Amino acid sequence: MKTIIGICILAGALLMGLGCRNPRSNETSYKDAVSKALEQADLRDVTVTEDRDKNTITLGGKVHSDDARAKAGDVAKSAAPRRIIANEISVQPVDAASEAKDIASDLDAGIEKNYKAALISTALDKQHIRFSAKNGVLTVKGTVKTARQRQEAQKVAAEVPNVKQVVNEIEIRR
């Protein structure tokens, strides 16, 4: 009898352990694959971060041309086809790196101001939308009440001048 009770307790503990597992813990990480692919493509100055919960790979760092920036995005997409690639790489030409950095910062500030104005004009400013721009990538976060509002926030973001990419992390909360 004690043996049966011991087996039942052990089986229960194992089942609880399986039930409490994080369902994302066995998902594949693409960070190393992207880093390795970028290195093979001679893009060693590009940094890679991964947010599995948001299904996003973010590229950072700096390159010397728009072509190299685009190439890094393509390489990352090939290495992580199931992830959203946020290409926040800064383009800083060799002979004008300081000026390029200042211009990029000013453009990002302009993107944020224009997006704020667009939210006001579409009455989406009443929702809980946060946003930030980095090297032309406008990331929108927060909550809205409907799927239509989420789509509208993304559409408005994509229409803002100088936005190269929109990463939509807005959640729908009714």
N, C-alpha and C. Protein backbone atom coordinates (compact mmCIF):
# COMPACT_ATOMS: atom_id res chain seq x y z
N MET A 1 0.82 -1.19 0.00
CA MET A 1 0.00 0.00 0.00
C MET A 1 0.86 1.25 0.00
N LYS A 2 1.92 1.26 0.83
CA LYS A 2 2.82 2.42 0.88
C LYS A 2 3.49 2.64 -0.47
N THR A 3 3.79 1.57 -1.16
CA THR A 3 4.42 1.67 -2.47
C THR A 3 3.49 2.34 -3.47
N ILE A 4 2.23 1.97 -3.45
CA ILE A 4 1.24 2.55 -4.38
C ILE A 4 1.07 4.04 -4.08
N ILE A 5 0.99 4.39 -2.81
CA ILE A 5 0.85 5.80 -2.43
C ILE A 5 2.09 6.58 -2.87
N GLY A 6 3.26 6.02 -2.68
CA GLY A 6 4.52 6.67 -3.09
C GLY A 6 4.57 6.89 -4.60
N ILE A 7 4.11 5.89 -5.36
CA ILE A 7 4.08 6.00 -6.82
C ILE A 7 3.09 7.09 -7.25
N CYS A 8 1.94 7.13 -6.59
CA CYS A 8 0.93 8.15 -6.91
C CYS A 8 1.46 9.55 -6.62
N ILE A 9 2.15 9.72 -5.50
CA ILE A 9 2.71 11.04 -5.15
C ILE A 9 3.77 11.43 -6.18
N LEU A 10 4.63 10.50 -6.56
CA LEU A 10 5.67 10.76 -7.56
C LEU A 10 5.06 11.11 -8.91
N ALA A 11 4.04 10.37 -9.32
CA ALA A 11 3.37 10.64 -10.59
C ALA A 11 2.70 12.02 -10.56
N GLY A 12 2.07 12.36 -9.44
CA GLY A 12 1.43 13.67 -9.30
C GLY A 12 2.44 14.80 -9.39
N ALA A 13 3.60 14.62 -8.75
CA ALA A 13 4.65 15.64 -8.78
C ALA A 13 5.17 15.82 -10.20
N LEU A 14 5.35 14.72 -10.92
CA LEU A 14 5.81 14.82 -12.31
C LEU A 14 4.79 15.53 -13.18
N LEU A 15 3.52 15.22 -13.02
CA LEU A 15 2.48 15.88 -13.80
C LEU A 15 2.39 17.36 -13.49
N MET A 16 2.55 17.73 -12.22
CA MET A 16 2.53 19.14 -11.86
C MET A 16 3.73 19.86 -12.47
N GLY A 17 4.86 19.21 -12.47
CA GLY A 17 6.06 19.81 -13.06
C GLY A 17 5.88 20.05 -14.55
N LEU A 18 5.25 19.11 -15.24
CA LEU A 18 5.00 19.29 -16.67
C LEU A 18 3.97 20.38 -16.91
N GLY A 19 2.97 20.47 -16.06
CA GLY A 19 1.92 21.47 -16.23
C GLY A 19 2.41 22.88 -15.94
N CYS A 20 3.41 23.05 -15.11
CA CYS A 20 3.91 24.37 -14.74
C CYS A 20 5.04 24.86 -15.64
N ARG A 21 5.42 24.08 -16.60
CA ARG A 21 6.51 24.46 -17.50
C ARG A 21 6.14 25.70 -18.30
N ASN A 22 7.12 26.51 -18.59
CA ASN A 22 6.91 27.66 -19.46
C ASN A 22 6.77 27.16 -20.88
N PRO A 23 5.63 27.42 -21.55
CA PRO A 23 5.43 26.90 -22.89
C PRO A 23 6.42 27.45 -23.91
N ARG A 24 7.04 28.59 -23.65
CA ARG A 24 8.00 29.17 -24.58
C ARG A 24 9.41 28.66 -24.34
N SER A 25 9.63 27.94 -23.25
CA SER A 25 11.00 27.55 -22.91
C SER A 25 11.62 26.62 -23.93
N ASN A 26 10.80 25.92 -24.71
CA ASN A 26 11.38 25.01 -25.69
C ASN A 26 11.39 25.61 -27.09
N GLU A 27 11.01 26.89 -27.21
CA GLU A 27 11.08 27.53 -28.51
C GLU A 27 12.53 27.76 -28.90
N THR A 28 12.77 27.74 -30.17
CA THR A 28 14.11 27.93 -30.67
C THR A 28 14.56 29.37 -30.50
N SER A 29 15.78 29.54 -30.06
CA SER A 29 16.39 30.87 -30.02
C SER A 29 17.12 31.08 -31.33
N TYR A 30 16.89 32.23 -31.94
CA TYR A 30 17.53 32.53 -33.22
C TYR A 30 18.71 33.48 -33.07
N LYS A 31 18.94 34.00 -31.89
CA LYS A 31 19.98 35.02 -31.69
C LYS A 31 21.34 34.54 -32.18
N ASP A 32 21.75 33.35 -31.77
CA ASP A 32 23.07 32.85 -32.16
C ASP A 32 23.16 32.62 -33.67
N ALA A 33 22.09 32.11 -34.25
CA ALA A 33 22.10 31.87 -35.71
C ALA A 33 22.21 33.18 -36.47
N VAL A 34 21.50 34.21 -36.00
CA VAL A 34 21.57 35.51 -36.67
C VAL A 34 22.97 36.11 -36.49
N SER A 35 23.51 36.05 -35.28
CA SER A 35 24.85 36.59 -35.03
C SER A 35 25.89 35.92 -35.92
N LYS A 36 25.79 34.60 -36.01
CA LYS A 36 26.75 33.85 -36.83
C LYS A 36 26.60 34.20 -38.30
N ALA A 37 25.38 34.32 -38.79
CA ALA A 37 25.14 34.66 -40.19
C ALA A 37 25.66 36.07 -40.50
N LEU A 38 25.47 37.01 -39.57
CA LEU A 38 25.98 38.37 -39.77
C LEU A 38 27.50 38.39 -39.80
N GLU A 39 28.10 37.60 -38.94
CA GLU A 39 29.56 37.52 -38.93
C GLU A 39 30.08 36.95 -40.25
N GLN A 40 29.43 35.92 -40.76
CA GLN A 40 29.84 35.33 -42.04
C GLN A 40 29.65 36.31 -43.19
N ALA A 41 28.70 37.23 -43.04
CA ALA A 41 28.45 38.23 -44.09
C ALA A 41 29.32 39.46 -43.88
N ASP A 42 30.29 39.36 -42.98
CA ASP A 42 31.23 40.44 -42.69
C ASP A 42 30.52 41.68 -42.15
N LEU A 43 29.53 41.45 -41.30
CA LEU A 43 28.79 42.53 -40.64
C LEU A 43 28.98 42.40 -39.12
N ARG A 44 30.22 42.46 -38.71
CA ARG A 44 30.57 42.21 -37.31
C ARG A 44 30.17 43.34 -36.35
N ASP A 45 29.92 44.54 -36.86
CA ASP A 45 29.56 45.66 -35.99
C ASP A 45 28.07 45.70 -35.68
N VAL A 46 27.33 44.74 -36.18
CA VAL A 46 25.88 44.69 -35.94
C VAL A 46 25.63 43.88 -34.68
N THR A 47 24.82 44.45 -33.77
CA THR A 47 24.47 43.74 -32.54
C THR A 47 23.10 43.07 -32.72
N VAL A 48 22.88 42.02 -31.94
CA VAL A 48 21.64 41.25 -32.05
C VAL A 48 21.07 41.03 -30.65
N THR A 49 19.80 41.39 -30.49
CA THR A 49 19.08 41.04 -29.26
C THR A 49 17.79 40.33 -29.67
N GLU A 50 17.33 39.48 -28.79
CA GLU A 50 16.12 38.70 -29.10
C GLU A 50 15.14 38.82 -27.95
N ASP A 51 13.89 39.01 -28.29
CA ASP A 51 12.80 38.99 -27.31
C ASP A 51 11.82 37.91 -27.76
N ARG A 52 11.93 36.75 -27.16
CA ARG A 52 11.09 35.63 -27.57
C ARG A 52 9.61 35.91 -27.32
N ASP A 53 9.31 36.58 -26.21
CA ASP A 53 7.91 36.86 -25.89
C ASP A 53 7.25 37.73 -26.97
N LYS A 54 8.02 38.62 -27.56
CA LYS A 54 7.49 39.50 -28.61
C LYS A 54 7.83 39.01 -30.00
N ASN A 55 8.49 37.86 -30.08
CA ASN A 55 8.83 37.23 -31.36
C ASN A 55 9.70 38.16 -32.23
N THR A 56 10.63 38.88 -31.58
CA THR A 56 11.38 39.92 -32.26
C THR A 56 12.89 39.74 -32.12
N ILE A 57 13.59 39.95 -33.22
CA ILE A 57 15.04 40.08 -33.24
C ILE A 57 15.31 41.55 -33.55
N THR A 58 16.11 42.21 -32.71
CA THR A 58 16.44 43.61 -32.94
C THR A 58 17.91 43.72 -33.33
N LEU A 59 18.15 44.37 -34.47
CA LEU A 59 19.51 44.61 -34.94
C LEU A 59 19.91 46.02 -34.54
N GLY A 60 21.10 46.17 -34.01
CA GLY A 60 21.61 47.48 -33.61
C GLY A 60 23.03 47.65 -34.10
N GLY A 61 23.70 48.65 -33.57
CA GLY A 61 25.06 48.92 -33.98
C GLY A 61 25.10 49.89 -35.13
N LYS A 62 26.22 49.90 -35.85
CA LYS A 62 26.36 50.84 -36.95
C LYS A 62 27.06 50.20 -38.13
N VAL A 63 26.70 50.68 -39.29
CA VAL A 63 27.34 50.28 -40.55
C VAL A 63 27.63 51.56 -41.33
N HIS A 64 28.35 51.44 -42.43
CA HIS A 64 28.79 52.61 -43.17
C HIS A 64 27.96 52.93 -44.40
N SER A 65 26.92 52.13 -44.68
CA SER A 65 26.11 52.42 -45.87
C SER A 65 24.69 51.86 -45.71
N ASP A 66 23.77 52.43 -46.49
CA ASP A 66 22.40 51.94 -46.49
C ASP A 66 22.34 50.51 -47.03
N ASP A 67 23.24 50.20 -48.00
CA ASP A 67 23.29 48.84 -48.55
C ASP A 67 23.66 47.82 -47.47
N ALA A 68 24.63 48.17 -46.63
CA ALA A 68 25.05 47.26 -45.56
C ALA A 68 23.91 47.08 -44.54
N ARG A 69 23.17 48.14 -44.28
CA ARG A 69 22.02 48.06 -43.36
C ARG A 69 20.96 47.12 -43.93
N ALA A 70 20.67 47.29 -45.21
CA ALA A 70 19.67 46.43 -45.86
C ALA A 70 20.15 44.98 -45.90
N LYS A 71 21.43 44.80 -46.19
CA LYS A 71 22.00 43.45 -46.23
C LYS A 71 21.87 42.77 -44.86
N ALA A 72 22.14 43.51 -43.79
CA ALA A 72 22.03 42.95 -42.44
C ALA A 72 20.59 42.51 -42.17
N GLY A 73 19.62 43.31 -42.58
CA GLY A 73 18.22 42.94 -42.41
C GLY A 73 17.87 41.67 -43.18
N ASP A 74 18.36 41.57 -44.41
CA ASP A 74 18.11 40.37 -45.23
C ASP A 74 18.75 39.13 -44.62
N VAL A 75 19.99 39.28 -44.15
CA VAL A 75 20.71 38.15 -43.54
C VAL A 75 19.96 37.69 -42.29
N ALA A 76 19.52 38.63 -41.47
CA ALA A 76 18.80 38.28 -40.24
C ALA A 76 17.49 37.58 -40.56
N LYS A 77 16.77 38.08 -41.56
CA LYS A 77 15.49 37.46 -41.95
C LYS A 77 15.70 36.03 -42.44
N SER A 78 16.78 35.81 -43.16
CA SER A 78 17.08 34.45 -43.64
C SER A 78 17.43 33.51 -42.49
N ALA A 79 18.15 34.04 -41.50
CA ALA A 79 18.58 33.21 -40.37
C ALA A 79 17.47 33.00 -39.34
N ALA A 80 16.49 33.92 -39.31
CA ALA A 80 15.39 33.83 -38.34
C ALA A 80 14.07 34.10 -39.04
N PRO A 81 13.64 33.19 -39.92
CA PRO A 81 12.45 33.46 -40.73
C PRO A 81 11.15 33.58 -39.94
N ARG A 82 11.13 33.06 -38.73
CA ARG A 82 9.90 33.10 -37.93
C ARG A 82 9.85 34.29 -36.97
N ARG A 83 10.84 35.16 -37.04
CA ARG A 83 10.91 36.31 -36.14
C ARG A 83 10.67 37.60 -36.90
N ILE A 84 10.15 38.60 -36.18
CA ILE A 84 10.05 39.95 -36.71
C ILE A 84 11.44 40.56 -36.56
N ILE A 85 11.96 41.15 -37.61
CA ILE A 85 13.29 41.76 -37.56
C ILE A 85 13.12 43.28 -37.45
N ALA A 86 13.54 43.83 -36.33
CA ALA A 86 13.54 45.28 -36.14
C ALA A 86 14.94 45.78 -36.45
N ASN A 87 15.10 46.44 -37.59
CA ASN A 87 16.41 46.87 -38.06
C ASN A 87 16.69 48.29 -37.58
N GLU A 88 17.30 48.41 -36.39
CA GLU A 88 17.62 49.69 -35.79
C GLU A 88 19.07 50.07 -36.00
N ILE A 89 19.69 49.53 -37.03
CA ILE A 89 21.10 49.80 -37.31
C ILE A 89 21.25 51.25 -37.77
N SER A 90 22.25 51.91 -37.24
CA SER A 90 22.56 53.28 -37.61
C SER A 90 23.53 53.28 -38.80
N VAL A 91 23.23 54.11 -39.79
CA VAL A 91 24.14 54.26 -40.93
C VAL A 91 25.01 55.48 -40.66
N GLN A 92 26.31 55.24 -40.53
CA GLN A 92 27.26 56.30 -40.25
C GLN A 92 28.42 56.21 -41.24
N PRO A 93 28.37 57.00 -42.31
CA PRO A 93 29.46 56.98 -43.29
C PRO A 93 30.80 57.27 -42.62
N VAL A 94 31.85 56.67 -43.12
CA VAL A 94 33.18 56.76 -42.51
C VAL A 94 33.61 58.22 -42.31
N ASP A 95 33.40 59.06 -43.30
CA ASP A 95 33.88 60.43 -43.21
C ASP A 95 32.92 61.39 -42.52
N ALA A 96 31.75 60.93 -42.10
CA ALA A 96 30.76 61.82 -41.48
C ALA A 96 29.98 61.13 -40.38
N ALA A 97 30.64 60.32 -39.58
CA ALA A 97 29.96 59.52 -38.56
C ALA A 97 29.27 60.39 -37.52
N SER A 98 29.94 61.42 -37.04
CA SER A 98 29.37 62.28 -36.00
C SER A 98 28.13 63.02 -36.51
N GLU A 99 28.23 63.57 -37.71
CA GLU A 99 27.10 64.29 -38.28
C GLU A 99 25.93 63.34 -38.54
N ALA A 100 26.22 62.15 -39.01
CA ALA A 100 25.17 61.17 -39.29
C ALA A 100 24.42 60.79 -38.02
N LYS A 101 25.16 60.66 -36.93
CA LYS A 101 24.55 60.30 -35.64
C LYS A 101 23.60 61.42 -35.19
N ASP A 102 24.03 62.67 -35.32
CA ASP A 102 23.19 63.80 -34.94
C ASP A 102 21.94 63.87 -35.81
N ILE A 103 22.10 63.66 -37.10
CA ILE A 103 20.96 63.70 -38.02
C ILE A 103 19.96 62.61 -37.68
N ALA A 104 20.47 61.40 -37.42
CA ALA A 104 19.58 60.28 -37.07
C ALA A 104 18.80 60.59 -35.80
N SER A 105 19.45 61.18 -34.83
CA SER A 105 18.78 61.54 -33.58
C SER A 105 17.69 62.57 -33.82
N ASP A 106 17.99 63.58 -34.65
CA ASP A 106 17.00 64.60 -34.98
C ASP A 106 15.82 63.99 -35.75
N LEU A 107 16.11 63.08 -36.68
CA LEU A 107 15.04 62.42 -37.43
C LEU A 107 14.14 61.62 -36.51
N ASP A 108 14.73 60.91 -35.57
CA ASP A 108 13.94 60.12 -34.63
C ASP A 108 13.04 61.01 -33.78
N ALA A 109 13.56 62.14 -33.34
CA ALA A 109 12.74 63.08 -32.56
C ALA A 109 11.59 63.60 -33.42
N GLY A 110 11.87 63.89 -34.68
CA GLY A 110 10.83 64.35 -35.59
C GLY A 110 9.77 63.28 -35.84
N ILE A 111 10.22 62.04 -35.98
CA ILE A 111 9.27 60.93 -36.17
C ILE A 111 8.34 60.85 -34.97
N GLU A 112 8.89 60.92 -33.77
CA GLU A 112 8.07 60.82 -32.56
C GLU A 112 7.06 61.97 -32.48
N LYS A 113 7.49 63.18 -32.80
CA LYS A 113 6.57 64.33 -32.75
C LYS A 113 5.48 64.19 -33.81
N ASN A 114 5.86 63.75 -35.01
CA ASN A 114 4.86 63.58 -36.07
C ASN A 114 3.87 62.47 -35.73
N TYR A 115 4.35 61.40 -35.12
CA TYR A 115 3.45 60.31 -34.75
C TYR A 115 2.48 60.77 -33.66
N LYS A 116 2.99 61.52 -32.70
CA LYS A 116 2.12 62.05 -31.65
C LYS A 116 1.02 62.91 -32.26
N ALA A 117 1.39 63.76 -33.19
CA ALA A 117 0.40 64.61 -33.87
C ALA A 117 -0.61 63.75 -34.64
N ALA A 118 -0.13 62.70 -35.29
CA ALA A 118 -1.02 61.82 -36.05
C ALA A 118 -1.99 61.09 -35.13
N LEU A 119 -1.53 60.69 -33.96
CA LEU A 119 -2.42 60.03 -32.99
C LEU A 119 -3.52 60.99 -32.55
N ILE A 120 -3.14 62.23 -32.33
CA ILE A 120 -4.14 63.23 -31.93
C ILE A 120 -5.16 63.43 -33.04
N SER A 121 -4.69 63.55 -34.28
CA SER A 121 -5.61 63.82 -35.40
C SER A 121 -6.54 62.65 -35.70
N THR A 122 -6.16 61.45 -35.29
CA THR A 122 -7.01 60.28 -35.52
C THR A 122 -7.75 59.85 -34.26
N ALA A 123 -7.64 60.66 -33.20
CA ALA A 123 -8.28 60.39 -31.91
C ALA A 123 -7.76 59.13 -31.23
N LEU A 124 -6.62 58.64 -31.66
CA LEU A 124 -6.02 57.48 -31.00
C LEU A 124 -5.21 57.90 -29.77
N ASP A 125 -5.04 59.20 -29.57
CA ASP A 125 -4.30 59.67 -28.40
C ASP A 125 -5.03 59.35 -27.10
N LYS A 126 -6.31 59.02 -27.19
CA LYS A 126 -7.09 58.65 -26.01
C LYS A 126 -6.79 57.22 -25.55
N GLN A 127 -6.15 56.46 -26.41
CA GLN A 127 -5.76 55.09 -26.07
C GLN A 127 -4.43 55.12 -25.31
N HIS A 128 -4.02 53.99 -24.84
CA HIS A 128 -2.77 53.89 -24.07
C HIS A 128 -1.65 53.43 -24.99
N ILE A 129 -1.23 54.31 -25.88
CA ILE A 129 -0.20 53.97 -26.86
C ILE A 129 1.08 54.71 -26.50
N ARG A 130 2.15 53.94 -26.37
CA ARG A 130 3.49 54.49 -26.15
C ARG A 130 4.30 54.21 -27.41
N PHE A 131 5.32 54.99 -27.67
CA PHE A 131 6.09 54.80 -28.89
C PHE A 131 7.49 55.38 -28.73
N SER A 132 8.40 54.84 -29.51
CA SER A 132 9.76 55.38 -29.56
C SER A 132 10.34 55.08 -30.94
N ALA A 133 11.21 55.99 -31.38
CA ALA A 133 11.86 55.83 -32.68
C ALA A 133 13.35 55.68 -32.46
N LYS A 134 13.94 54.76 -33.22
CA LYS A 134 15.39 54.59 -33.18
C LYS A 134 15.85 54.23 -34.58
N ASN A 135 16.65 55.11 -35.15
CA ASN A 135 17.20 54.92 -36.49
C ASN A 135 16.12 54.60 -37.51
N GLY A 136 15.01 55.30 -37.41
CA GLY A 136 13.92 55.13 -38.38
C GLY A 136 12.96 54.01 -38.09
N VAL A 137 13.19 53.24 -37.03
CA VAL A 137 12.27 52.17 -36.64
C VAL A 137 11.36 52.73 -35.55
N LEU A 138 10.06 52.79 -35.83
CA LEU A 138 9.09 53.30 -34.87
C LEU A 138 8.43 52.10 -34.20
N THR A 139 8.68 51.95 -32.90
CA THR A 139 8.09 50.87 -32.13
C THR A 139 6.91 51.42 -31.35
N VAL A 140 5.74 50.81 -31.56
CA VAL A 140 4.53 51.24 -30.86
C VAL A 140 4.12 50.15 -29.89
N LYS A 141 3.78 50.57 -28.68
CA LYS A 141 3.43 49.64 -27.60
C LYS A 141 2.20 50.15 -26.89
N GLY A 142 1.71 49.39 -25.96
CA GLY A 142 0.59 49.80 -25.14
C GLY A 142 -0.65 48.98 -25.42
N THR A 143 -1.81 49.59 -25.18
CA THR A 143 -3.07 48.88 -25.35
C THR A 143 -4.10 49.75 -26.05
N VAL A 144 -4.98 49.08 -26.79
CA VAL A 144 -6.14 49.71 -27.43
C VAL A 144 -7.33 48.80 -27.17
N LYS A 145 -8.52 49.28 -27.53
CA LYS A 145 -9.74 48.52 -27.25
C LYS A 145 -10.14 47.56 -28.36
N THR A 146 -9.74 47.85 -29.61
CA THR A 146 -10.18 47.02 -30.73
C THR A 146 -9.03 46.70 -31.68
N ALA A 147 -9.23 45.66 -32.45
CA ALA A 147 -8.25 45.29 -33.48
C ALA A 147 -8.14 46.39 -34.52
N ARG A 148 -9.26 47.04 -34.82
CA ARG A 148 -9.25 48.13 -35.80
C ARG A 148 -8.35 49.28 -35.32
N GLN A 149 -8.40 49.60 -34.03
CA GLN A 149 -7.55 50.66 -33.48
C GLN A 149 -6.08 50.26 -33.56
N ARG A 150 -5.79 48.98 -33.33
CA ARG A 150 -4.41 48.50 -33.42
C ARG A 150 -3.90 48.66 -34.85
N GLN A 151 -4.72 48.26 -35.81
CA GLN A 151 -4.34 48.39 -37.23
C GLN A 151 -4.19 49.85 -37.63
N GLU A 152 -5.07 50.69 -37.14
CA GLU A 152 -5.02 52.12 -37.45
C GLU A 152 -3.74 52.75 -36.89
N ALA A 153 -3.37 52.38 -35.66
CA ALA A 153 -2.15 52.90 -35.06
C ALA A 153 -0.93 52.51 -35.89
N GLN A 154 -0.92 51.29 -36.42
CA GLN A 154 0.19 50.85 -37.26
C GLN A 154 0.18 51.57 -38.61
N LYS A 155 -0.99 51.71 -39.20
CA LYS A 155 -1.11 52.40 -40.49
C LYS A 155 -0.65 53.85 -40.38
N VAL A 156 -1.09 54.51 -39.33
CA VAL A 156 -0.69 55.91 -39.11
C VAL A 156 0.82 55.99 -38.92
N ALA A 157 1.39 55.05 -38.18
CA ALA A 157 2.84 55.03 -37.95
C ALA A 157 3.61 54.86 -39.25
N ALA A 158 3.13 53.98 -40.11
CA ALA A 158 3.82 53.72 -41.38
C ALA A 158 3.79 54.94 -42.31
N GLU A 159 2.81 55.81 -42.13
CA GLU A 159 2.68 56.99 -42.98
C GLU A 159 3.48 58.19 -42.49
N VAL A 160 4.09 58.09 -41.32
CA VAL A 160 4.89 59.20 -40.78
C VAL A 160 6.17 59.32 -41.62
N PRO A 161 6.50 60.55 -42.03
CA PRO A 161 7.72 60.74 -42.82
C PRO A 161 8.97 60.20 -42.11
N ASN A 162 9.85 59.60 -42.87
CA ASN A 162 11.15 59.07 -42.44
C ASN A 162 11.08 57.76 -41.66
N VAL A 163 9.88 57.20 -41.48
CA VAL A 163 9.77 55.90 -40.82
C VAL A 163 10.15 54.82 -41.83
N LYS A 164 11.16 54.02 -41.48
CA LYS A 164 11.61 52.93 -42.35
C LYS A 164 10.90 51.63 -42.03
N GLN A 165 10.49 51.49 -40.76
CA GLN A 165 9.86 50.25 -40.32
C GLN A 165 9.01 50.53 -39.09
N VAL A 166 7.90 49.81 -38.96
CA VAL A 166 7.04 49.91 -37.78
C VAL A 166 7.03 48.55 -37.10
N VAL A 167 7.31 48.53 -35.80
CA VAL A 167 7.19 47.32 -35.00
C VAL A 167 5.98 47.54 -34.09
N ASN A 168 4.93 46.77 -34.32
CA ASN A 168 3.67 46.94 -33.60
C ASN A 168 3.58 45.93 -32.46
N GLU A 169 3.72 46.43 -31.25
CA GLU A 169 3.60 45.58 -30.05
C GLU A 169 2.38 45.96 -29.23
N ILE A 170 1.41 46.59 -29.87
CA ILE A 170 0.19 47.01 -29.18
C ILE A 170 -0.69 45.79 -28.92
N GLU A 171 -1.22 45.74 -27.71
CA GLU A 171 -2.13 44.65 -27.31
C GLU A 171 -3.56 45.17 -27.29
N ILE A 172 -4.49 44.27 -27.51
CA ILE A 172 -5.91 44.62 -27.48
C ILE A 172 -6.46 44.23 -26.12
N ARG A 173 -6.99 45.21 -25.41
CA ARG A 173 -7.60 44.98 -24.09
C ARG A 173 -8.99 45.55 -24.12
N ARG A 174 -9.96 44.72 -23.95
CA ARG A 174 -11.36 45.17 -24.00
C ARG A 174 -11.85 45.60 -22.65
